[in-house]
Amino acid sequence: MNLYLCRDCGFVQIDCVVDPETIYRDYLFVTTSSLPLQKHFESYAKDIVMRLSGRADPLVVDLGSNEGTLLREVSKLGLRVLGVEPAIEIAEKANRDGVPTLPEFFDKKIVEYVKQTHGLADAVTVNNLFANVDDLHSFVANVKDILKPGGLFIVESSYLGDMIENMVFDFIYHEHLSYLSVKPLKKFFEQQEMSLIDVLRVDTKGGSLRYYARNLSTDNSTTLKVDEWLKLENKKELYEITRYDQYAEKILKGKSDLNGFLSNYQKESVIGYGASATSTTLIYHYDLSNKLDCLVDDNPAKVSTFSPGLNIPVRETKEIYRAGVEVVVILAWRYAKEIIQKHSRFNGVFVIPLPELVIHQES
């Protein structure tokens, strides 16, 4: 898998596309398994409500809505909501929990159905999904078709600049086709006759941005924030190839540091915490297959499964208290603080591999 930079517009993407039917129909990740995400969506919902103030009985449509964590918070604040989620079991659970959700991919057929049954949307949100879409032109055309005049299109996604700055290279995997940033996204929206009107920094996924866009016919204004982000990207040389050469060197140093530390321990005494796609990237790129006895994960749906390709078994988190376990490598390193607090009685060593190697042992 290779990461490519367009030297013309600055767009960054990988070089392979997996059929979304293969990935998302039996998806396992649920937002409710992450406490930080739940708290994040509470704040996010308030932001949406504030930006839609003055609109009569507004409708918010969330694409890739998962279990409906965001929409549940929006609904609590009095707005109508509708989710679109292709993972069938997750969509069914959302419906059982009171969040109306269509178990389908977002396409022209769904647009027409929503328009007939719910009317046009005041806001369409896409959280950590926009970068996963292959045909973004058709996707945005469908979003425009479902929005009311002056309606908001809100995209939240991990930010390319933070991915480099914070060493979030494990986010580069098959689901994430695009690695978004302000300059190419502003240009893309203009091509779709939309205007990028605001950008907000958020702290999820190792550093993310929330982009707000409207149809050019209703709003061609740009806040000062957008211009500031463009200047910042230029200052940090985000679209220069040398930036990526330096990034690769830092990744290789991290690999060397971690493997050097783990060489002091037998495989049977080392466990990896986190069984996600990011974990798979980290395990492969850091060559950890012969260093980890097993993986553990807080998501019950992942227990008794195996990691892709390497077939490392996934077990319950209580496995870290098994006799002989000395090291827990926190592959889900973004949640290291919460994991260490939750397992403070573990008397071994916690290893946080990114953004730089940290060895943590309770005194």
Foldseek 3Di string as FASTA:
>chain_A
DDWDADLPQGWIFDDDADPVVVDFQADQDAQVLDPVSLVVLLVVLVVVCVVCPPDDQAEEEEEQCFLVSNVVNNVVVPHHYEYEGQHVVRQVNSVVVPHHYHNRHDAPVVLVVCCVPPNAGLEYEYEQQLQQDDPNLRVVVSNQSRHDANGKYKYKHAALVLCQVWVVVLVDDRRRGTHDALRNVQVVCVVSQKHFADKDWDCPPSTMIMTIIHHNVRDNHHDPRSVVRVVVCVVVVSNDVVSVVVSVVLLVVLLVVVVVVLVVDQQVQEEEEDQDSSLVSCCVVSVCLRNHQAYEYSRPVQAQFAHPPSRGHYHHPCVCVDPRHAEYEYSVLVCVVVVCVVPVVRQHWYWDSTPHTDIDGDD
